[in-house]
Protein backbone atom coordinates (compact mmCIF):
# COMPACT_ATOMS: atom_id res chain seq x y z
CA MET A 1 -66.59 -19.29 33.38
CA ALA A 2 -66.58 -22.77 31.45
CA GLY A 3 -67.52 -24.20 34.63
CA GLY A 4 -71.39 -23.28 34.81
CA THR A 5 -71.95 -25.03 31.21
CA GLY A 6 -69.81 -27.82 31.40
CA ALA A 7 -71.03 -29.17 34.69
CA GLY A 8 -74.27 -30.31 33.44
CA LEU A 9 -72.90 -32.40 30.69
CA VAL A 10 -70.83 -35.09 33.47
CA ASP A 11 -72.07 -38.41 33.01
CA GLY A 12 -72.92 -41.07 35.69
CA ALA A 13 -69.89 -42.93 35.12
CA GLY A 14 -67.92 -39.79 36.56
CA VAL A 15 -65.55 -39.40 33.82
CA ALA A 16 -64.89 -35.98 34.39
CA GLU A 17 -64.90 -36.04 38.54
CA ARG A 18 -62.37 -38.57 38.71
CA PHE A 19 -59.87 -37.00 35.83
CA ASP A 20 -56.71 -35.84 37.77
CA PRO A 21 -53.65 -35.02 35.79
CA PHE A 22 -51.63 -34.88 39.02
CA GLY A 23 -53.05 -38.38 40.69
CA ASP A 24 -50.53 -41.47 40.67
CA ALA A 25 -53.04 -43.59 38.23
CA TYR A 26 -52.40 -40.61 35.13
CA GLN A 27 -49.04 -40.64 36.36
CA GLN A 28 -48.31 -44.29 35.91
CA ASP A 29 -50.39 -44.66 32.80
CA PRO A 30 -52.02 -41.49 31.17
CA PRO A 31 -53.26 -43.28 28.31
CA ALA A 32 -55.36 -45.74 30.37
CA ALA A 33 -56.43 -43.26 32.79
CA LEU A 34 -58.66 -41.63 29.92
CA ALA A 35 -59.55 -45.09 28.41
CA GLU A 36 -63.03 -44.63 29.41
CA ALA A 37 -63.31 -41.16 28.58
CA ARG A 38 -62.13 -42.13 24.70
CA ARG A 39 -64.68 -44.84 24.81
CA HIS A 40 -67.85 -43.11 26.35
CA GLN A 41 -67.24 -39.52 26.86
CA PRO A 42 -64.23 -38.42 24.22
CA VAL A 43 -65.21 -34.55 25.13
CA PHE A 44 -65.93 -33.61 28.75
CA TYR A 45 -65.63 -30.58 31.19
CA SER A 46 -63.06 -30.83 34.20
CA PRO A 47 -64.35 -28.92 37.41
CA LEU A 48 -60.78 -29.37 38.66
CA LEU A 49 -59.33 -27.73 35.67
CA ASP A 50 -62.36 -25.55 34.75
CA MET A 51 -61.15 -26.60 31.63
CA TRP A 52 -62.58 -28.91 28.66
CA VAL A 53 -60.77 -32.13 28.09
CA VAL A 54 -60.48 -33.89 24.55
CA THR A 55 -59.19 -37.04 24.76
CA ARG A 56 -59.77 -38.64 20.75
CA TYR A 57 -57.01 -38.43 18.12
CA HIS A 58 -59.24 -37.00 15.08
CA ASP A 59 -60.94 -34.23 17.80
CA ILE A 60 -57.59 -33.22 18.71
CA LYS A 61 -55.93 -33.00 15.16
CA ALA A 62 -59.00 -30.79 14.25
CA ALA A 63 -58.32 -28.49 16.86
CA LEU A 64 -54.65 -28.32 16.59
CA HIS A 65 -55.60 -27.65 12.89
CA ASP A 66 -58.10 -25.12 13.17
CA SER A 67 -56.53 -21.35 14.15
CA ARG A 68 -59.82 -20.12 12.98
CA ARG A 69 -62.22 -21.79 16.05
CA PHE A 70 -59.54 -22.31 18.30
CA THR A 71 -56.61 -19.74 19.76
CA ALA A 72 -52.80 -20.73 20.92
CA ALA A 73 -52.79 -17.85 22.76
CA ASN A 74 -52.99 -19.78 26.68
CA ALA A 75 -50.63 -22.85 25.33
CA LEU A 76 -47.73 -21.32 28.11
CA GLU A 77 -50.28 -19.90 30.87
CA PRO A 78 -49.59 -21.92 34.04
CA ILE A 79 -52.13 -24.62 34.82
CA THR A 80 -52.28 -24.04 38.34
CA PRO A 81 -52.96 -20.34 38.78
CA LEU A 82 -50.47 -17.92 40.16
CA GLY A 83 -51.14 -16.91 43.34
CA ALA A 84 -50.43 -13.16 44.06
CA GLU A 85 -47.12 -13.25 45.91
CA ALA A 86 -45.52 -15.64 42.88
CA ARG A 87 -46.74 -12.92 40.61
CA GLU A 88 -45.04 -10.14 42.96
CA VAL A 89 -41.76 -12.05 42.65
CA LEU A 90 -42.20 -12.38 39.09
CA ASP A 91 -42.89 -8.54 38.43
CA GLY A 92 -40.00 -7.80 40.74
CA TYR A 93 -37.66 -9.19 38.09
CA GLY A 94 -39.72 -7.58 35.13
CA PHE A 95 -40.52 -10.80 33.87
CA ALA A 96 -42.82 -10.19 30.67
CA PRO A 97 -43.91 -13.09 28.90
CA GLY A 98 -44.61 -12.55 25.56
CA PRO A 99 -45.97 -14.59 22.29
CA VAL A 100 -43.37 -17.05 20.71
CA LEU A 101 -44.24 -19.03 18.08
CA VAL A 102 -45.68 -21.99 20.47
CA ASN A 103 -48.63 -19.21 21.78
CA GLU A 104 -49.42 -17.07 18.78
CA ASP A 105 -51.97 -17.05 16.30
CA PRO A 106 -52.43 -16.06 12.27
CA PRO A 107 -51.07 -13.82 10.75
CA ARG A 108 -48.43 -13.07 12.92
CA HIS A 109 -47.32 -16.52 12.95
CA LEU A 110 -46.03 -17.84 9.94
CA PRO A 111 -44.00 -14.94 8.94
CA ARG A 112 -41.81 -15.26 12.35
CA ARG A 113 -41.89 -19.16 12.24
CA LYS A 114 -40.48 -18.92 8.32
CA LEU A 115 -37.77 -16.43 9.70
CA LEU A 116 -37.29 -18.63 12.57
CA ALA A 117 -36.89 -22.31 11.27
CA PRO A 118 -34.21 -22.77 9.11
CA PRO A 119 -31.56 -23.93 11.39
CA LEU A 120 -33.58 -26.24 13.14
CA ALA A 121 -34.49 -27.77 9.78
CA ALA A 122 -33.56 -31.58 9.28
CA PRO A 123 -30.84 -30.91 6.48
CA GLU A 124 -28.72 -28.19 9.14
CA ILE A 125 -29.33 -31.01 12.07
CA GLU A 126 -28.19 -33.97 10.45
CA PRO A 127 -24.68 -32.74 10.10
CA LEU A 128 -24.17 -32.84 14.07
CA GLU A 129 -24.93 -36.73 14.16
CA GLY A 130 -21.14 -37.18 14.61
CA ARG A 131 -21.01 -34.37 17.42
CA ILE A 132 -24.11 -35.80 19.33
CA ARG A 133 -22.85 -39.53 18.51
CA ASP A 134 -19.23 -38.32 19.97
CA LEU A 135 -21.21 -36.91 23.40
CA VAL A 136 -23.18 -40.25 23.94
CA THR A 137 -20.11 -42.33 23.43
CA GLY A 138 -18.44 -39.99 25.98
CA TYR A 139 -20.82 -40.33 28.44
CA ILE A 140 -21.55 -44.04 28.27
CA ASP A 141 -17.96 -44.57 28.32
CA ALA A 142 -18.10 -43.16 31.72
CA PHE A 143 -20.22 -45.81 33.39
CA ALA A 144 -19.93 -48.51 30.99
CA ASP A 145 -17.07 -50.25 33.17
CA ARG A 146 -19.34 -50.21 36.31
CA GLY A 147 -21.83 -53.10 35.88
CA HIS A 148 -24.96 -50.40 36.93
CA ALA A 149 -26.25 -46.91 35.94
CA ASP A 150 -29.31 -45.03 36.08
CA LEU A 151 -29.58 -44.28 32.47
CA ILE A 152 -31.44 -41.08 33.17
CA GLN A 153 -29.12 -39.22 35.79
CA ASP A 154 -26.07 -40.80 33.39
CA LEU A 155 -26.79 -40.39 30.15
CA VAL A 156 -30.36 -38.65 29.00
CA TRP A 157 -30.64 -35.76 31.44
CA GLU A 158 -27.23 -34.95 30.10
CA VAL A 159 -27.36 -35.09 26.50
CA PRO A 160 -30.43 -33.29 25.46
CA ALA A 161 -29.47 -30.32 27.77
CA VAL A 162 -25.73 -29.49 26.33
CA VAL A 163 -27.23 -30.30 22.25
CA GLY A 164 -30.19 -28.42 22.92
CA LEU A 165 -27.97 -25.52 24.59
CA LEU A 166 -25.10 -25.69 21.83
CA VAL A 167 -27.73 -25.66 19.17
CA ALA A 168 -29.28 -22.51 20.79
CA GLY A 169 -25.79 -20.86 20.84
CA VAL A 170 -25.62 -20.53 24.44
CA PRO A 171 -21.96 -20.33 25.17
CA GLU A 172 -20.39 -23.35 26.70
CA GLU A 173 -19.59 -22.04 30.07
CA TYR A 174 -23.46 -20.80 30.50
CA VAL A 175 -24.75 -24.39 29.74
CA ALA A 176 -24.93 -25.49 33.34
CA GLN A 177 -26.60 -22.66 34.96
CA ALA A 178 -28.99 -22.04 31.84
CA ARG A 179 -30.00 -25.54 32.18
CA GLY A 180 -30.83 -25.68 35.87
CA TYR A 181 -33.27 -22.65 35.44
CA ALA A 182 -34.62 -24.02 32.27
CA VAL A 183 -35.94 -27.23 33.91
CA LYS A 184 -37.81 -25.07 36.61
CA MET A 185 -40.21 -23.73 33.65
CA GLY A 186 -41.66 -27.08 33.06
CA LEU A 187 -43.12 -27.21 36.64
CA PHE A 188 -43.69 -23.80 36.28
CA THR A 189 -45.98 -24.11 33.24
CA TRP A 190 -47.75 -27.79 34.14
CA GLY A 191 -46.99 -28.16 37.51
CA ARG A 192 -49.47 -28.24 40.45
CA PRO A 193 -46.94 -26.58 43.28
CA THR A 194 -48.21 -25.43 46.85
CA GLY A 195 -48.22 -21.52 47.23
CA GLU A 196 -44.70 -21.63 48.89
CA HIS A 197 -43.04 -23.70 46.30
CA GLN A 198 -44.85 -21.17 43.65
CA ARG A 199 -42.61 -18.37 45.06
CA GLU A 200 -39.57 -20.08 45.04
CA ILE A 201 -40.04 -21.26 41.28
CA ALA A 202 -41.00 -17.75 40.12
CA ASP A 203 -37.82 -16.71 41.69
CA GLN A 204 -36.06 -19.29 39.53
CA VAL A 205 -38.17 -18.42 36.49
CA GLY A 206 -37.13 -14.57 37.28
CA ARG A 207 -33.63 -15.21 37.49
CA TRP A 208 -33.88 -17.39 33.94
CA TRP A 209 -35.64 -14.04 32.33
CA THR A 210 -32.47 -12.12 33.79
CA LEU A 211 -30.30 -14.59 32.07
CA ALA A 212 -32.31 -15.04 29.20
CA GLY A 213 -31.87 -11.08 28.56
CA GLU A 214 -28.08 -11.23 29.22
CA LEU A 215 -27.56 -14.12 26.76
CA VAL A 216 -29.47 -12.32 24.07
CA ASP A 217 -27.55 -9.07 24.75
CA LEU A 218 -24.09 -11.50 24.60
CA LEU A 219 -24.83 -13.37 21.94
CA ARG A 220 -25.53 -10.19 20.02
CA ARG A 221 -22.32 -8.77 20.85
CA GLU A 222 -20.65 -11.79 20.00
CA LYS A 223 -22.52 -12.93 16.72
CA GLY A 224 -22.07 -16.58 17.36
CA THR A 225 -24.00 -19.45 15.31
CA GLY A 226 -27.09 -21.29 16.62
CA TRP A 227 -31.03 -20.76 16.66
CA ILE A 228 -30.73 -17.45 18.94
CA PRO A 229 -28.02 -15.83 16.94
CA HIS A 230 -29.81 -16.86 13.73
CA ALA A 231 -32.79 -15.17 15.41
CA ILE A 232 -30.90 -11.91 16.61
CA GLU A 233 -29.39 -11.44 12.83
CA MET A 234 -33.44 -11.89 11.66
CA GLN A 235 -34.31 -9.32 14.12
CA ARG A 236 -31.73 -7.12 12.11
CA GLU A 237 -33.17 -7.79 8.79
CA HIS A 238 -37.10 -7.53 10.00
CA PRO A 239 -37.44 -5.43 13.11
CA ASP A 240 -41.22 -5.41 12.68
CA VAL A 241 -41.30 -8.99 12.73
CA ILE A 242 -39.07 -10.27 15.61
CA SER A 243 -38.59 -8.29 18.99
CA ASP A 244 -36.90 -8.20 21.99
CA ASN A 245 -39.20 -9.26 24.34
CA GLN A 246 -39.52 -12.33 21.76
CA LEU A 247 -35.80 -13.28 21.27
CA GLN A 248 -35.57 -13.27 25.45
CA ASN A 249 -38.86 -15.53 25.39
CA MET A 250 -37.46 -17.79 22.71
CA MET A 251 -34.03 -18.28 25.02
CA MET A 252 -36.02 -19.43 27.86
CA SER A 253 -39.04 -21.39 26.30
CA GLY A 254 -36.73 -22.91 23.32
CA LEU A 255 -34.41 -24.57 25.96
CA VAL A 256 -37.08 -26.05 28.04
CA ALA A 257 -38.50 -27.44 24.59
CA ALA A 258 -35.11 -28.64 23.69
CA HIS A 259 -33.90 -30.22 27.06
CA GLU A 260 -36.88 -31.71 29.12
CA THR A 261 -39.13 -32.95 26.65
CA THR A 262 -36.15 -34.75 24.56
CA THR A 263 -35.15 -36.05 28.10
CA ASN A 264 -38.56 -37.45 29.07
CA ALA A 265 -38.98 -38.88 25.45
CA THR A 266 -35.76 -40.62 25.46
CA ALA A 267 -36.06 -42.05 29.29
CA ASN A 268 -40.15 -43.15 28.19
CA ALA A 269 -38.51 -44.99 25.02
CA LEU A 270 -36.08 -46.58 27.27
CA LYS A 271 -38.43 -47.62 29.49
CA CYS A 272 -40.86 -49.13 27.07
CA LEU A 273 -38.13 -51.24 25.31
CA LEU A 274 -36.53 -52.70 28.78
CA THR A 275 -39.79 -53.36 30.21
CA GLN A 276 -40.74 -55.55 27.39
CA ARG A 277 -37.64 -57.26 26.90
CA ASP A 278 -38.53 -59.42 23.51
CA ALA A 279 -38.80 -55.78 21.91
CA TRP A 280 -35.00 -54.70 23.36
CA THR A 281 -33.74 -57.97 22.18
CA ALA A 282 -34.80 -57.54 18.93
CA LEU A 283 -33.59 -54.20 18.79
CA CYS A 284 -30.43 -55.13 19.46
CA ALA A 285 -30.41 -57.82 16.99
CA ASP A 286 -31.72 -55.20 14.42
CA PRO A 287 -30.43 -51.65 15.23
CA SER A 288 -32.27 -50.71 11.57
CA ALA A 289 -35.46 -50.93 13.34
CA VAL A 290 -34.52 -48.04 16.18
CA PRO A 291 -35.65 -44.99 13.69
CA ASN A 292 -39.16 -46.82 13.80
CA ALA A 293 -38.63 -47.72 17.47
CA VAL A 294 -38.70 -43.99 17.92
CA GLU A 295 -41.61 -43.34 16.69
CA GLU A 296 -43.70 -45.95 18.15
CA SER A 297 -42.10 -44.94 21.85
CA LEU A 298 -43.10 -40.99 21.07
CA ARG A 299 -46.61 -42.54 20.19
CA HIS A 300 -47.11 -45.18 23.01
CA SER A 301 -45.17 -43.19 25.78
CA THR A 302 -45.11 -39.49 24.70
CA SER A 303 -43.21 -36.75 26.89
CA VAL A 304 -45.74 -34.11 25.86
CA LEU A 305 -48.82 -35.55 27.27
CA CYS A 306 -51.08 -32.46 26.53
CA TRP A 307 -50.96 -29.55 24.91
CA ARG A 308 -53.84 -26.43 25.42
CA ARG A 309 -55.70 -23.98 23.04
CA ARG A 310 -58.89 -21.11 24.16
CA THR A 311 -62.13 -21.54 21.67
CA ARG A 312 -62.71 -18.04 20.22
CA ALA A 313 -66.46 -18.58 19.90
CA ALA A 314 -68.86 -21.50 20.56
CA VAL A 315 -67.65 -24.74 19.00
CA THR A 316 -68.85 -28.19 18.84
CA LEU A 317 -66.07 -30.80 19.02
CA GLY A 318 -66.67 -34.53 19.34
CA GLY A 319 -70.28 -34.09 19.26
CA VAL A 320 -70.12 -31.96 22.52
CA ARG A 321 -70.83 -27.95 22.28
CA ILE A 322 -67.82 -26.18 24.04
CA PRO A 323 -69.13 -22.58 25.09
CA ALA A 324 -66.29 -19.54 23.80
CA GLN A 325 -63.61 -18.41 25.22
CA SER A 326 -63.30 -22.04 26.87
CA PRO A 327 -59.89 -23.39 27.62
CA VAL A 328 -59.12 -26.49 25.94
CA LEU A 329 -56.64 -29.11 27.18
CA LEU A 330 -55.87 -31.48 24.16
CA MET A 331 -54.87 -34.87 25.36
CA ILE A 332 -52.15 -36.13 22.71
CA GLY A 333 -50.94 -38.96 24.97
CA SER A 334 -54.86 -40.24 24.81
CA GLY A 335 -55.19 -39.49 21.08
CA ASN A 336 -51.87 -41.35 20.75
CA HIS A 337 -53.94 -44.78 21.53
CA ASP A 338 -57.05 -43.98 19.61
CA ALA A 339 -58.03 -47.48 18.49
CA ASP A 340 -59.32 -46.22 15.06
CA VAL A 341 -56.09 -44.64 14.47
CA PHE A 342 -53.81 -47.25 16.17
CA PRO A 343 -55.36 -50.82 16.31
CA ASP A 344 -54.18 -52.60 20.03
CA PRO A 345 -53.22 -49.47 21.04
CA GLU A 346 -51.53 -50.35 24.03
CA ARG A 347 -49.53 -53.01 22.81
CA PHE A 348 -45.69 -51.52 22.17
CA ASP A 349 -44.60 -52.59 18.29
CA ILE A 350 -41.47 -51.58 17.12
CA HIS A 351 -42.64 -52.47 13.69
CA ARG A 352 -45.85 -50.56 13.99
CA PRO A 353 -46.80 -49.15 10.29
CA ASN A 354 -48.21 -46.05 11.15
CA ALA A 355 -46.41 -45.16 14.23
CA LYS A 356 -45.38 -41.69 13.11
CA ARG A 357 -48.71 -40.67 12.96
CA HIS A 358 -49.02 -39.81 16.51
CA LEU A 359 -49.27 -36.17 17.40
CA SER A 360 -46.15 -35.91 19.83
CA PHE A 361 -44.83 -32.95 18.06
CA GLY A 362 -47.96 -31.56 16.84
CA ILE A 363 -49.35 -30.84 13.42
CA GLY A 364 -50.19 -28.53 11.39
CA SER A 365 -48.64 -24.67 11.51
CA HIS A 366 -47.66 -25.22 15.04
CA ALA A 367 -45.94 -28.64 14.73
CA CYS A 368 -42.52 -28.78 16.91
CA LEU A 369 -39.27 -27.00 14.96
CA GLY A 370 -37.14 -28.80 16.98
CA ALA A 371 -38.45 -32.70 16.20
CA PRO A 372 -35.67 -33.36 13.76
CA LEU A 373 -33.09 -32.86 16.48
CA ALA A 374 -35.25 -34.97 18.97
CA ARG A 375 -35.17 -37.82 16.76
CA LEU A 376 -31.28 -37.75 15.99
CA GLU A 377 -30.69 -37.26 19.67
CA MET A 378 -33.34 -40.39 20.46
CA ARG A 379 -32.01 -42.38 17.21
CA ILE A 380 -28.39 -42.05 18.57
CA ILE A 381 -28.82 -42.87 22.11
CA LEU A 382 -31.18 -45.97 21.42
CA GLU A 383 -28.60 -46.91 18.99
CA GLU A 384 -25.31 -46.55 20.98
CA LEU A 385 -27.26 -48.68 23.54
CA THR A 386 -27.59 -51.45 21.72
CA ARG A 387 -24.14 -51.89 20.85
CA ARG A 388 -23.33 -51.32 24.57
CA PRO A 389 -23.38 -52.39 27.64
CA PRO A 390 -23.85 -55.85 27.00
CA GLY A 391 -26.84 -57.76 28.52
CA LEU A 392 -28.21 -53.97 29.76
CA ARG A 393 -31.41 -54.60 31.93
CA LEU A 394 -33.64 -53.04 34.27
CA VAL A 395 -32.62 -53.28 37.99
CA PRO A 396 -35.33 -56.17 39.37
CA GLY A 397 -38.12 -54.70 41.23
CA THR A 398 -37.46 -51.37 39.47
CA THR A 399 -40.68 -49.28 40.76
CA PHE A 400 -40.98 -45.74 38.80
CA THR A 401 -41.93 -42.47 40.03
CA TYR A 402 -42.93 -39.23 38.00
CA PRO A 403 -42.99 -35.20 38.98
CA PRO A 404 -46.45 -34.24 39.19
CA ASN A 405 -46.68 -32.31 36.02
CA ALA A 406 -50.23 -32.62 33.96
CA SER A 407 -47.99 -32.62 30.52
CA PHE A 408 -44.32 -33.28 30.71
CA HIS A 409 -43.76 -36.70 31.46
CA GLY A 410 -41.00 -39.36 32.06
CA PRO A 411 -39.86 -41.45 35.09
CA LEU A 412 -37.38 -39.71 37.54
CA GLN A 413 -35.00 -42.93 37.73
CA LEU A 414 -33.82 -45.59 34.94
CA PRO A 415 -31.96 -48.14 37.22
CA VAL A 416 -30.37 -50.63 34.86
CA GLU A 417 -27.45 -53.29 35.71
CA TRP A 418 -25.28 -55.50 33.01
CA ASP A 419 -22.92 -58.66 34.01
């Protein structure tokens, strides 16, 4: 195991022993929790996770680019190993997680990506702006006369779920059911559930697996529009490149990416803006700054704090030798606060000139296909909220809580009020 090699590299300051991605310090301020590591021990072995942790921007970028020395095969493995009872529950549903774009390597990865990418490209997504804006304004209409709202429950939880499922091609009558299952996948992959909770989540994941298969079959018969119908058509033309198992896994993992990450990214952006009132006031005065504010929010408070790779052979990263076949945790949220790339990184600056250099959508051949859609949704939501309701502000004394999740990160509540 990696632990036998890594233990001797833990320094006296105890960076590795203190690292706990499920602890309160990390949940409240993930980049700050790794500030000491960035300065003094940017690559270290975590005995808690039995993983090597990488905290600086250029090391993370190098690993994401290097498919020769790092494999993506472990990207979707549960960070908390499943117990025997949870595995038995999944086996009962015939759950068969297979490679999708996020966890496969060359040479298979690029041909499949080229076939699947077109419906999510920016030119295909931009015509959805009017429909998404109508959806957003409709949700705002529902609470605009109330004087108070929870922006998570009343807006940013709802919009990405509806948009993501519709872009995927899921019929509207299945949206609510599919959304409920898709949320469980984030905790399944990145959470730390107890044994009993693992069994409960495994049952929900199994049900989602079953529904995903049924939805693929439905879309194959009815030939709708959207990402999954496009993938089905690509399978007809290239059956050697896209399998039934991949379609079913795409339905599952794609909807998690479309919903939870965009919800959290938007919630984080609103939290940053509303807790730093000068930024919100400036944005309301000049909505043309919204696109760069979106990028700065993604940099400052990313919704995807970390991602994974595994070394194919022994490698040296950040001056530290990592053994072969070692799991590596790439701390994207920490890399986005690397002072060598982003001066004064803790400062939230909606006019930061290089904000878009963030790593929040990945980089290289595994860069997130859904980035144009996420950016569009975030921009529209911020634009509409800068218009109304007037005087929008956080409820005084608000404290923020987060789900115990090592990667998917966003506040559970965002209570606001206005006059």
